[in-house]
Amino acid sequence: MTVQRITMDSSGKERLMVDGYSFNFHKLLAEGAARYKCTSKCTSYLILSKEDIITKVIHKHNHPRPNYIKLGNGNYLRV
């Protein structure tokens, strides 16, 4: 699985994209790892090491993948 960092145009917030699903930062964990939760508020989440390696992923999505378009400025907009 590859992690893509995207920036949302409306808020400037950074999200992670993994397998077409988007994740928001949730909290910092031990040793610099971070927990990200699904933006659609299902129970899916992932843990990313400080080296940007996915160390754990729980894919229990109960919804379709969100649709995003890339804008000319490089940011993304959810449609």
Foldseek 3Di string as FASTA:
>chain_A
DDWDWAAAPVPRAIWIADPLWIWHWDAADPQGKTKTHTPVPDGWIFIAHPVRDTPDTDDPDPDDRWDWDQDPVRHIYTD
